[in-house]
Amino acid sequence: EHLLKRSSSADRVGRERWLHHITESVTINNGIFLIFLFSLIEFQTAS
């Protein structure tokens, strides 16, 4: 019973870390996309 508790808490920590990793990569991707979009608009208005 005690072992089960420990494994479930470790599982929860692992899930939270995984979720944090997902959100981090999504944020980075959104940042790159916004920069790309902004530079595209700048390029179109320049020409």
C-alpha atoms as a PDB file:
ATOM      1  CA  GLU A   1       0.000   0.000   0.000  1.00  0.00           C
ATOM      2  CA  HIS A   2       2.842   2.358   0.904  1.00  0.00           C
ATOM      3  CA  LEU A   3       4.713   1.353  -2.242  1.00  0.00           C
ATOM      4  CA  LEU A   4       1.643   2.115  -4.339  1.00  0.00           C
ATOM      5  CA  LYS A   5       1.438   5.624  -2.880  1.00  0.00           C
ATOM      6  CA  ARG A   6       5.079   6.321  -3.676  1.00  0.00           C
ATOM      7  CA  SER A   7       4.757   5.107  -7.272  1.00  0.00           C
ATOM      8  CA  SER A   8       1.602   7.152  -7.851  1.00  0.00           C
ATOM      9  CA  SER A   9       3.270  10.314  -6.527  1.00  0.00           C
ATOM     10  CA  ALA A  10       6.269   9.684  -8.789  1.00  0.00           C
ATOM     11  CA  ASP A  11       3.848   9.187 -11.672  1.00  0.00           C
ATOM     12  CA  ARG A  12       2.200  12.515 -10.911  1.00  0.00           C
ATOM     13  CA  VAL A  13       5.568  14.297 -10.831  1.00  0.00           C
ATOM     14  CA  GLY A  14       6.479  12.689 -14.156  1.00  0.00           C
ATOM     15  CA  ARG A  15       3.183  13.785 -15.685  1.00  0.00           C
ATOM     16  CA  GLU A  16       3.629  17.354 -14.469  1.00  0.00           C
ATOM     17  CA  ARG A  17       7.156  17.478 -15.882  1.00  0.00           C
ATOM     18  CA  TRP A  18       5.887  16.086 -19.205  1.00  0.00           C
ATOM     19  CA  LEU A  19       3.097  18.679 -19.270  1.00  0.00           C
ATOM     20  CA  HIS A  20       5.600  21.450 -18.527  1.00  0.00           C
ATOM     21  CA  HIS A  21       7.814  20.230 -21.385  1.00  0.00           C
ATOM     22  CA  ILE A  22       4.844  20.263 -23.793  1.00  0.00           C
ATOM     23  CA  THR A  23       3.781  23.787 -22.823  1.00  0.00           C
ATOM     24  CA  GLU A  24       7.369  24.998 -23.100  1.00  0.00           C
ATOM     25  CA  SER A  25       7.818  23.685 -26.650  1.00  0.00           C
ATOM     26  CA  VAL A  26       4.416  25.055 -27.683  1.00  0.00           C
ATOM     27  CA  THR A  27       5.365  28.497 -26.325  1.00  0.00           C
ATOM     28  CA  ILE A  28       8.687  28.423 -28.195  1.00  0.00           C
ATOM     29  CA  ASN A  29       6.941  27.352 -31.410  1.00  0.00           C
ATOM     30  CA  ASN A  30       4.397  30.155 -31.052  1.00  0.00           C
ATOM     31  CA  GLY A  31       7.205  32.662 -30.521  1.00  0.00           C
ATOM     32  CA  ILE A  32       9.030  31.516 -33.652  1.00  0.00           C
ATOM     33  CA  PHE A  33       5.768  31.595 -35.613  1.00  0.00           C
ATOM     34  CA  LEU A  34       4.951  35.137 -34.468  1.00  0.00           C
ATOM     35  CA  ILE A  35       8.448  36.362 -35.371  1.00  0.00           C
ATOM     36  CA  PHE A  36       8.138  34.686 -38.775  1.00  0.00           C
ATOM     37  CA  LEU A  37       4.712  36.237 -39.355  1.00  0.00           C
ATOM     38  CA  PHE A  38       5.924  39.668 -38.268  1.00  0.00           C
ATOM     39  CA  SER A  39       8.973  39.552 -40.556  1.00  0.00           C
ATOM     40  CA  LEU A  40       6.754  38.413 -43.427  1.00  0.00           C
ATOM     41  CA  ILE A  41       4.442  41.409 -42.915  1.00  0.00           C
ATOM     42  CA  GLU A  42       7.421  43.755 -42.648  1.00  0.00           C
ATOM     43  CA  PHE A  43       8.858  42.316 -45.872  1.00  0.00           C
ATOM     44  CA  GLN A  44       5.552  42.783 -47.721  1.00  0.00           C
ATOM     45  CA  THR A  45       5.116  46.392 -46.602  1.00  0.00           C
ATOM     46  CA  ALA A  46       8.724  47.192 -47.534  1.00  0.00           C
ATOM     47  CA  SER A  47       8.388  46.065 -51.149  1.00  0.00           C
END
